[in-house]
Structures are given as C-alpha cells and as structure tokens.
Amino acid sequence: MIGIAHSFLAISPADSDRARDVEAAAFMDELANGSVLDPLLRGGYPPRVLSRMGRFLPRTHEKDLEEIRTPGSYIGINFYTRIRYRWSLFVPVLHSQARDSKDVPRSAMWEIYPEGIYAALLRMKDMYGNPPTFITENGFPLPEQHGRDPLDDLERIDYLAAHISLVGKAIAAGADCRGYFHWSLFDNFEWSLGLSMRFGLLRTDFGTQARQWKKSALWFQDLVRSNRMEVPPQRATRTR
C-alpha cells in the first residue's frame, strides 16, 4: 500500500460567537487541511484558499490538478492537537492568529483534544468518499522531571485511551480506518526540542541507548493482545 501522511489539525474559532473568528478558523482549516486533501481527493483547491492565496500559486496550477488527484491506496492521518484562531487585522494575507486557551487540558506542547481524531476520521468518511485511512501518528510528549519515576507515565495512558477509544467510535460510525500507529516506540529526537520531549512507550537512556518499558508500553501491549480496551477514568494531566 502506498499513500501519504497528512498532519491533520483540528481547528476552531477562538470565540464561536464572533463571526470574524468563525471565518478566520474556517479559512485556516481549509488552508491547513483542505489544501492538502481537496486536491488529492476532489481535484481542486478549497474556495477560500483560492480566493485569498490563489495569486501565490503557479499560473498553470489548474493543469496539474488531474495528476495531483492520485490519492494512492490509503490516507494517513497524523493527529495530536487543536488550534484556535481569532481574526486579526495585523496578520498579512491570513488575517488569522492562533490563540491559546488556559481553560483546556494541555500536554507539555499542545492542547489535548481527543475529539479531533474522531472528527478527522468522520471528515474522511463524509467529505472525501471514505478512503482507507490509517492513524499514522498519535502520541503524548512528557518531559522527565527530577525526582519522578520516568517509567510512570499515566498521563500518556489517559491520552492514548481517550484517542484510541474515539478511533473505535469512528470505525463504528462507518469510517474506513484500517489501523493505528503510536508515535513513538522509543524516546526520540524531537526537532527544536531535542531530547527533552519524550514520546516513547519505551524509555531511551540517550547515554547508553538502553531501553526500559514504561507503564504505557505494558498497557499498549495488553491493548494489542486483547484488541479491546476498558476506558479508564481521566486523571489530572500533569505537564511539568
């Protein structure tokens, strides 16, 4: 099977009662998600993207659309978070500005929004003809803290349970999701954050390369073996 992995962002208005924020969020959603998925699966760019960003496209981009519309045999969805946008006069062209909310659960990097993984899969079903889909990335960053057992990552288990249960709910609703891949097996180099942000089910000692199983690895092993999950009550999220 050959396909692409799209880094899907759940996008919402900072204030759903403010028309300009609703429009800003709709535009950013079409830019972040629709500008990848629409040409691939529908053969054209979203209207808002064309009206505002069309002048930045090659003059002959319409001739490329037939060739672009080659989705392969699956669509991969990388999903981690949601971003809220508000309208801004001072951001050129986009007129949209990300706005963090303090009243939502967060990891050390992003807002925790498991409902977004369900919405992404239902969007593939309802808007794009329900192609075979995989969750190709989903995971939880947890930096180590002095005095805390680095193998005790109950927050990661909570995060995964919430997201994977909603993948199951999406499948039950008809989404053609064929599988789920956790990011990642080992702690890894996380771009500008280096080795500080740990995503692994297995802890990596970066000095010796030794690996140790975290609690989440044992939980995930049981999940894979049994192919069923009892969703635990949500614990308070610790981020630092």
C-alpha atoms as a PDB file:
ATOM      1  CA  MET A   1       0.000   0.000   0.000  1.00  0.00           C
ATOM      2  CA  ILE A   2       1.257   3.459  -0.915  1.00  0.00           C
ATOM      3  CA  GLY A   3      -0.177   6.682   0.456  1.00  0.00           C
ATOM      4  CA  ILE A   4       0.602   9.954   2.195  1.00  0.00           C
ATOM      5  CA  ALA A   5       0.534  11.010   5.843  1.00  0.00           C
ATOM      6  CA  HIS A   6      -1.209  14.331   6.443  1.00  0.00           C
ATOM      7  CA  SER A   7      -0.600  16.203   9.684  1.00  0.00           C
ATOM      8  CA  PHE A   8      -4.242  16.944  10.472  1.00  0.00           C
ATOM      9  CA  LEU A   9      -5.041  19.899  12.728  1.00  0.00           C
ATOM     10  CA  ALA A  10      -8.367  20.287  14.475  1.00  0.00           C
ATOM     11  CA  ILE A  11      -9.171  23.992  14.118  1.00  0.00           C
ATOM     12  CA  SER A  12     -11.787  26.014  15.978  1.00  0.00           C
ATOM     13  CA  PRO A  13     -12.635  29.710  16.352  1.00  0.00           C
ATOM     14  CA  ALA A  14     -11.302  31.398  19.473  1.00  0.00           C
ATOM     15  CA  ASP A  15     -14.831  32.736  20.034  1.00  0.00           C
ATOM     16  CA  SER A  16     -17.567  30.783  18.261  1.00  0.00           C
ATOM     17  CA  ASP A  17     -19.977  33.696  18.800  1.00  0.00           C
ATOM     18  CA  ARG A  18     -17.716  36.102  16.910  1.00  0.00           C
ATOM     19  CA  ALA A  19     -18.354  35.901  13.167  1.00  0.00           C
ATOM     20  CA  ARG A  20     -14.864  37.058  12.217  1.00  0.00           C
ATOM     21  CA  ASP A  21     -13.275  34.352  14.389  1.00  0.00           C
ATOM     22  CA  VAL A  22     -15.532  31.732  12.784  1.00  0.00           C
ATOM     23  CA  GLU A  23     -14.434  32.886   9.336  1.00  0.00           C
ATOM     24  CA  ALA A  24     -10.762  33.001  10.361  1.00  0.00           C
ATOM     25  CA  ALA A  25     -10.953  29.437  11.666  1.00  0.00           C
ATOM     26  CA  ALA A  26     -12.758  28.215   8.537  1.00  0.00           C
ATOM     27  CA  PHE A  27     -10.050  29.724   6.341  1.00  0.00           C
ATOM     28  CA  MET A  28      -7.215  28.240   8.412  1.00  0.00           C
ATOM     29  CA  ASP A  29      -8.906  24.843   8.343  1.00  0.00           C
ATOM     30  CA  GLU A  30      -9.122  24.959   4.552  1.00  0.00           C
ATOM     31  CA  LEU A  31      -5.503  26.108   4.376  1.00  0.00           C
ATOM     32  CA  ALA A  32      -4.087  23.534   6.816  1.00  0.00           C
ATOM     33  CA  ASN A  33      -6.259  20.550   5.887  1.00  0.00           C
ATOM     34  CA  GLY A  34      -8.296  21.257   2.766  1.00  0.00           C
ATOM     35  CA  SER A  35      -5.387  22.492   0.669  1.00  0.00           C
ATOM     36  CA  VAL A  36      -3.821  19.025   1.022  1.00  0.00           C
ATOM     37  CA  LEU A  37      -6.870  16.768   0.980  1.00  0.00           C
ATOM     38  CA  ASP A  38      -9.077  18.581  -1.538  1.00  0.00           C
ATOM     39  CA  PRO A  39      -6.652  18.458  -4.489  1.00  0.00           C
ATOM     40  CA  LEU A  40      -5.744  14.876  -3.680  1.00  0.00           C
ATOM     41  CA  LEU A  41      -9.281  13.547  -3.255  1.00  0.00           C
ATOM     42  CA  ARG A  42     -11.527  16.091  -5.010  1.00  0.00           C
ATOM     43  CA  GLY A  43      -9.335  17.500  -7.749  1.00  0.00           C
ATOM     44  CA  GLY A  44      -9.383  21.155  -6.699  1.00  0.00           C
ATOM     45  CA  TYR A  45      -8.399  23.672  -4.041  1.00  0.00           C
ATOM     46  CA  PRO A  46     -10.877  24.951  -1.411  1.00  0.00           C
ATOM     47  CA  PRO A  47     -12.666  28.180  -2.408  1.00  0.00           C
ATOM     48  CA  ARG A  48     -11.344  30.262   0.481  1.00  0.00           C
ATOM     49  CA  VAL A  49      -7.777  29.192  -0.252  1.00  0.00           C
ATOM     50  CA  LEU A  50      -8.105  30.029  -3.940  1.00  0.00           C
ATOM     51  CA  SER A  51      -9.705  33.417  -3.315  1.00  0.00           C
ATOM     52  CA  ARG A  52      -7.047  34.544  -0.855  1.00  0.00           C
ATOM     53  CA  MET A  53      -3.967  32.541  -1.791  1.00  0.00           C
ATOM     54  CA  GLY A  54      -4.530  31.880  -5.486  1.00  0.00           C
ATOM     55  CA  ARG A  55      -2.148  34.621  -6.538  1.00  0.00           C
ATOM     56  CA  PHE A  56       0.682  32.692  -4.886  1.00  0.00           C
ATOM     57  CA  LEU A  57       0.004  29.527  -6.910  1.00  0.00           C
ATOM     58  CA  PRO A  58       1.709  28.860 -10.253  1.00  0.00           C
ATOM     59  CA  ARG A  59      -0.300  30.328 -13.111  1.00  0.00           C
ATOM     60  CA  THR A  60      -0.808  26.894 -14.633  1.00  0.00           C
ATOM     61  CA  HIS A  61      -1.709  25.074 -11.419  1.00  0.00           C
ATOM     62  CA  GLU A  62      -5.099  24.006 -12.850  1.00  0.00           C
ATOM     63  CA  LYS A  63      -3.283  21.816 -15.371  1.00  0.00           C
ATOM     64  CA  ASP A  64      -1.600  19.940 -12.518  1.00  0.00           C
ATOM     65  CA  LEU A  65      -4.816  19.017 -10.711  1.00  0.00           C
ATOM     66  CA  GLU A  66      -5.597  15.930 -12.775  1.00  0.00           C
ATOM     67  CA  GLU A  67      -2.185  14.492 -11.952  1.00  0.00           C
ATOM     68  CA  ILE A  68      -2.376  15.597  -8.305  1.00  0.00           C
ATOM     69  CA  ARG A  69      -5.660  13.714  -7.891  1.00  0.00           C
ATOM     70  CA  THR A  70      -3.857  10.424  -7.283  1.00  0.00           C
ATOM     71  CA  PRO A  71      -4.519   9.565  -3.650  1.00  0.00           C
ATOM     72  CA  GLY A  72      -2.788   6.181  -3.649  1.00  0.00           C
ATOM     73  CA  SER A  73      -4.186   3.281  -1.653  1.00  0.00           C
ATOM     74  CA  TYR A  74      -4.643   4.978   1.740  1.00  0.00           C
ATOM     75  CA  ILE A  75      -4.600   8.321   3.551  1.00  0.00           C
ATOM     76  CA  GLY A  76      -2.514   8.624   6.697  1.00  0.00           C
ATOM     77  CA  ILE A  77      -3.645  10.953   9.467  1.00  0.00           C
ATOM     78  CA  ASN A  78      -1.117  12.292  11.970  1.00  0.00           C
ATOM     79  CA  PHE A  79      -3.105  13.788  14.827  1.00  0.00           C
ATOM     80  CA  TYR A  80      -2.061  15.482  18.056  1.00  0.00           C
ATOM     81  CA  THR A  81      -3.958  18.649  18.874  1.00  0.00           C
ATOM     82  CA  ARG A  82      -6.336  21.512  18.144  1.00  0.00           C
ATOM     83  CA  ILE A  83      -5.512  25.148  17.396  1.00  0.00           C
ATOM     84  CA  ARG A  84      -7.959  28.007  17.989  1.00  0.00           C
ATOM     85  CA  TYR A  85      -7.870  31.056  15.735  1.00  0.00           C
ATOM     86  CA  ARG A  86      -9.120  34.575  16.040  1.00  0.00           C
ATOM     87  CA  TRP A  87      -9.404  37.166  13.299  1.00  0.00           C
ATOM     88  CA  SER A  88      -6.547  39.648  13.196  1.00  0.00           C
ATOM     89  CA  LEU A  89      -6.172  42.742  11.057  1.00  0.00           C
ATOM     90  CA  PHE A  90      -2.415  42.788  11.618  1.00  0.00           C
ATOM     91  CA  VAL A  91      -1.509  39.380  10.178  1.00  0.00           C
ATOM     92  CA  PRO A  92      -0.938  39.893   6.435  1.00  0.00           C
ATOM     93  CA  VAL A  93      -2.981  37.793   3.979  1.00  0.00           C
ATOM     94  CA  LEU A  94      -4.106  35.207   6.553  1.00  0.00           C
ATOM     95  CA  HIS A  95      -5.800  37.666   8.943  1.00  0.00           C
ATOM     96  CA  SER A  96      -5.829  34.842  11.475  1.00  0.00           C
ATOM     97  CA  GLN A  97      -3.893  34.447  14.706  1.00  0.00           C
ATOM     98  CA  ALA A  98      -3.548  31.366  16.922  1.00  0.00           C
ATOM     99  CA  ARG A  99      -4.881  31.947  20.388  1.00  0.00           C
ATOM    100  CA  ASP A 100      -4.166  29.594  23.298  1.00  0.00           C
ATOM    101  CA  SER A 101      -6.863  28.947  25.843  1.00  0.00           C
ATOM    102  CA  LYS A 102      -5.934  28.489  29.501  1.00  0.00           C
ATOM    103  CA  ASP A 103      -9.114  26.613  30.417  1.00  0.00           C
ATOM    104  CA  VAL A 104      -8.367  23.432  28.434  1.00  0.00           C
ATOM    105  CA  PRO A 105      -6.230  20.387  29.304  1.00  0.00           C
ATOM    106  CA  ARG A 106      -2.749  20.590  27.824  1.00  0.00           C
ATOM    107  CA  SER A 107       0.314  18.451  27.396  1.00  0.00           C
ATOM    108  CA  ALA A 108       3.783  19.961  27.647  1.00  0.00           C
ATOM    109  CA  MET A 109       3.426  21.028  23.997  1.00  0.00           C
ATOM    110  CA  TRP A 110      -0.217  21.322  22.934  1.00  0.00           C
ATOM    111  CA  GLU A 111      -3.879  21.327  23.828  1.00  0.00           C
ATOM    112  CA  ILE A 112      -5.268  17.837  24.444  1.00  0.00           C
ATOM    113  CA  TYR A 113      -8.303  17.435  22.207  1.00  0.00           C
ATOM    114  CA  PRO A 114      -9.176  13.773  21.549  1.00  0.00           C
ATOM    115  CA  GLU A 115     -12.458  14.717  19.861  1.00  0.00           C
ATOM    116  CA  GLY A 116     -10.366  15.943  16.940  1.00  0.00           C
ATOM    117  CA  ILE A 117      -9.223  12.454  15.966  1.00  0.00           C
ATOM    118  CA  TYR A 118     -12.854  11.342  15.728  1.00  0.00           C
ATOM    119  CA  ALA A 119     -13.764  14.411  13.684  1.00  0.00           C
ATOM    120  CA  ALA A 120     -10.838  13.819  11.308  1.00  0.00           C
ATOM    121  CA  LEU A 121     -11.910  10.244  10.564  1.00  0.00           C
ATOM    122  CA  LEU A 122     -15.567  11.220  10.117  1.00  0.00           C
ATOM    123  CA  ARG A 123     -14.464  14.012   7.800  1.00  0.00           C
ATOM    124  CA  MET A 124     -12.665  11.480   5.633  1.00  0.00           C
ATOM    125  CA  LYS A 125     -15.870   9.447   5.537  1.00  0.00           C
ATOM    126  CA  ASP A 126     -18.376  12.238   4.952  1.00  0.00           C
ATOM    127  CA  MET A 127     -16.410  14.671   2.764  1.00  0.00           C
ATOM    128  CA  TYR A 128     -13.855  12.556   0.917  1.00  0.00           C
ATOM    129  CA  GLY A 129     -15.557   9.317  -0.043  1.00  0.00           C
ATOM    130  CA  ASN A 130     -14.300   7.256   2.917  1.00  0.00           C
ATOM    131  CA  PRO A 131     -10.917   6.129   1.556  1.00  0.00           C
ATOM    132  CA  PRO A 132      -8.896   3.548   3.525  1.00  0.00           C
ATOM    133  CA  THR A 133      -7.336   5.511   6.365  1.00  0.00           C
ATOM    134  CA  PHE A 134      -4.676   4.896   8.999  1.00  0.00           C
ATOM    135  CA  ILE A 135      -3.804   6.901  12.068  1.00  0.00           C
ATOM    136  CA  THR A 136      -0.107   7.123  11.218  1.00  0.00           C
ATOM    137  CA  GLU A 137       0.886   9.220  14.249  1.00  0.00           C
ATOM    138  CA  ASN A 138      -0.657   9.973  17.630  1.00  0.00           C
ATOM    139  CA  GLY A 139       1.148  10.367  20.919  1.00  0.00           C
ATOM    140  CA  PHE A 140       1.899  12.306  24.075  1.00  0.00           C
ATOM    141  CA  PRO A 141       5.014  14.371  24.926  1.00  0.00           C
ATOM    142  CA  LEU A 142       6.150  14.008  28.532  1.00  0.00           C
ATOM    143  CA  PRO A 143       9.445  15.577  29.653  1.00  0.00           C
ATOM    144  CA  GLU A 144      11.207  13.936  32.561  1.00  0.00           C
ATOM    145  CA  GLN A 145      11.170  15.618  35.964  1.00  0.00           C
ATOM    146  CA  HIS A 146      13.740  15.413  38.728  1.00  0.00           C
ATOM    147  CA  GLY A 147      12.514  13.095  41.461  1.00  0.00           C
ATOM    148  CA  ARG A 148       9.831  11.436  39.361  1.00  0.00           C
ATOM    149  CA  ASP A 149       9.947   7.870  38.082  1.00  0.00           C
ATOM    150  CA  PRO A 150      10.465   8.254  34.295  1.00  0.00           C
ATOM    151  CA  LEU A 151       8.589   4.980  33.707  1.00  0.00           C
ATOM    152  CA  ASP A 152       5.452   6.281  35.451  1.00  0.00           C
ATOM    153  CA  ASP A 153       3.599   7.865  32.525  1.00  0.00           C
ATOM    154  CA  LEU A 154      -0.067   7.521  33.468  1.00  0.00           C
ATOM    155  CA  GLU A 155      -0.846  10.742  31.573  1.00  0.00           C
ATOM    156  CA  ARG A 156       0.204   9.027  28.362  1.00  0.00           C
ATOM    157  CA  ILE A 157      -2.121   6.113  29.086  1.00  0.00           C
ATOM    158  CA  ASP A 158      -5.009   8.535  29.651  1.00  0.00           C
ATOM    159  CA  TYR A 159      -4.221  10.348  26.403  1.00  0.00           C
ATOM    160  CA  LEU A 160      -3.995   7.154  24.368  1.00  0.00           C
ATOM    161  CA  ALA A 161      -7.126   5.641  25.904  1.00  0.00           C
ATOM    162  CA  ALA A 162      -9.140   8.759  25.071  1.00  0.00           C
ATOM    163  CA  HIS A 163      -7.897   8.911  21.481  1.00  0.00           C
ATOM    164  CA  ILE A 164      -7.981   5.210  20.642  1.00  0.00           C
ATOM    165  CA  SER A 165     -11.494   4.828  22.054  1.00  0.00           C
ATOM    166  CA  LEU A 166     -12.636   7.586  19.686  1.00  0.00           C
ATOM    167  CA  VAL A 167     -10.898   5.864  16.762  1.00  0.00           C
ATOM    168  CA  GLY A 168     -13.052   2.858  17.641  1.00  0.00           C
ATOM    169  CA  LYS A 169     -16.122   5.067  17.809  1.00  0.00           C
ATOM    170  CA  ALA A 170     -15.339   6.466  14.349  1.00  0.00           C
ATOM    171  CA  ILE A 171     -14.957   2.959  12.933  1.00  0.00           C
ATOM    172  CA  ALA A 172     -18.307   2.021  14.470  1.00  0.00           C
ATOM    173  CA  ALA A 173     -19.777   5.086  12.738  1.00  0.00           C
ATOM    174  CA  GLY A 174     -18.550   3.824   9.373  1.00  0.00           C
ATOM    175  CA  ALA A 175     -15.104   5.382   8.947  1.00  0.00           C
ATOM    176  CA  ASP A 176     -12.812   3.064   6.976  1.00  0.00           C
ATOM    177  CA  CYS A 177      -9.895   3.275   9.425  1.00  0.00           C
ATOM    178  CA  ARG A 178      -7.627   0.251   8.979  1.00  0.00           C
ATOM    179  CA  GLY A 179      -5.126   0.770  11.790  1.00  0.00           C
ATOM    180  CA  TYR A 180      -3.462   2.918  14.443  1.00  0.00           C
ATOM    181  CA  PHE A 181       0.257   3.633  14.817  1.00  0.00           C
ATOM    182  CA  HIS A 182       1.516   5.191  18.039  1.00  0.00           C
ATOM    183  CA  TRP A 183       4.244   7.848  17.995  1.00  0.00           C
ATOM    184  CA  SER A 184       6.633   6.524  19.024  1.00  0.00           C
ATOM    185  CA  LEU A 185       8.126   3.234  20.171  1.00  0.00           C
ATOM    186  CA  PHE A 186      11.260   4.850  21.640  1.00  0.00           C
ATOM    187  CA  ASP A 187      12.015   8.302  23.001  1.00  0.00           C
ATOM    188  CA  ASN A 188      13.324  10.288  20.061  1.00  0.00           C
ATOM    189  CA  PHE A 189      14.971  13.479  18.836  1.00  0.00           C
ATOM    190  CA  GLU A 190      12.110  15.984  18.710  1.00  0.00           C
ATOM    191  CA  TRP A 191      13.295  18.672  16.306  1.00  0.00           C
ATOM    192  CA  SER A 192      13.955  22.018  18.041  1.00  0.00           C
ATOM    193  CA  LEU A 193      13.160  20.487  21.442  1.00  0.00           C
ATOM    194  CA  GLY A 194      15.986  17.994  21.068  1.00  0.00           C
ATOM    195  CA  LEU A 195      15.937  15.070  23.511  1.00  0.00           C
ATOM    196  CA  SER A 196      13.926  16.881  26.192  1.00  0.00           C
ATOM    197  CA  MET A 197      10.432  15.947  24.978  1.00  0.00           C
ATOM    198  CA  ARG A 198       9.832  12.213  25.329  1.00  0.00           C
ATOM    199  CA  PHE A 199       7.179  10.494  23.196  1.00  0.00           C
ATOM    200  CA  GLY A 200       8.251   6.873  23.579  1.00  0.00           C
ATOM    201  CA  LEU A 201       6.455   3.890  25.036  1.00  0.00           C
ATOM    202  CA  LEU A 202       9.947   2.684  25.889  1.00  0.00           C
ATOM    203  CA  ARG A 203      12.364   4.968  27.708  1.00  0.00           C
ATOM    204  CA  THR A 204      15.685   5.545  25.975  1.00  0.00           C
ATOM    205  CA  ASP A 205      18.786   6.277  28.032  1.00  0.00           C
ATOM    206  CA  PHE A 206      20.460   8.570  25.495  1.00  0.00           C
ATOM    207  CA  GLY A 207      23.872   7.994  27.046  1.00  0.00           C
ATOM    208  CA  THR A 208      23.869   4.187  26.870  1.00  0.00           C
ATOM    209  CA  GLN A 209      20.969   3.571  24.408  1.00  0.00           C
ATOM    210  CA  ALA A 210      19.439   1.180  26.962  1.00  0.00           C
ATOM    211  CA  ARG A 211      15.640   0.803  26.754  1.00  0.00           C
ATOM    212  CA  GLN A 212      13.122   0.346  29.563  1.00  0.00           C
ATOM    213  CA  TRP A 213       9.406  -0.359  29.357  1.00  0.00           C
ATOM    214  CA  LYS A 214       7.208   2.442  30.640  1.00  0.00           C
ATOM    215  CA  LYS A 215       3.778   1.755  32.141  1.00  0.00           C
ATOM    216  CA  SER A 216       2.263   2.911  28.858  1.00  0.00           C
ATOM    217  CA  ALA A 217       4.205   0.222  26.958  1.00  0.00           C
ATOM    218  CA  LEU A 218       2.741  -2.518  29.151  1.00  0.00           C
ATOM    219  CA  TRP A 219      -0.732  -1.002  28.770  1.00  0.00           C
ATOM    220  CA  PHE A 220      -0.357  -0.779  24.996  1.00  0.00           C
ATOM    221  CA  GLN A 221       0.910  -4.369  24.814  1.00  0.00           C
ATOM    222  CA  ASP A 222      -2.204  -5.566  26.649  1.00  0.00           C
ATOM    223  CA  LEU A 223      -4.397  -3.498  24.329  1.00  0.00           C
ATOM    224  CA  VAL A 224      -2.835  -5.008  21.195  1.00  0.00           C
ATOM    225  CA  ARG A 225      -3.034  -8.556  22.538  1.00  0.00           C
ATOM    226  CA  SER A 226      -6.652  -8.316  23.648  1.00  0.00           C
ATOM    227  CA  ASN A 227      -7.903  -5.982  20.871  1.00  0.00           C
ATOM    228  CA  ARG A 228     -10.243  -4.392  23.383  1.00  0.00           C
ATOM    229  CA  MET A 229      -9.998  -1.588  25.912  1.00  0.00           C
ATOM    230  CA  GLU A 230     -11.649  -0.622  29.134  1.00  0.00           C
ATOM    231  CA  VAL A 231     -11.535   3.169  29.093  1.00  0.00           C
ATOM    232  CA  PRO A 232     -10.143   4.341  32.450  1.00  0.00           C
ATOM    233  CA  PRO A 233     -11.428   7.431  34.290  1.00  0.00           C
ATOM    234  CA  GLN A 234      -9.472  10.513  33.317  1.00  0.00           C
ATOM    235  CA  ARG A 235      -6.728  11.500  35.730  1.00  0.00           C
ATOM    236  CA  ALA A 236      -5.497  15.038  36.170  1.00  0.00           C
ATOM    237  CA  THR A 237      -2.982  15.930  33.451  1.00  0.00           C
ATOM    238  CA  ARG A 238       0.497  16.782  34.661  1.00  0.00           C
ATOM    239  CA  THR A 239       2.582  18.718  32.183  1.00  0.00           C
ATOM    240  CA  ARG A 240       5.694  19.803  34.071  1.00  0.00           C
END
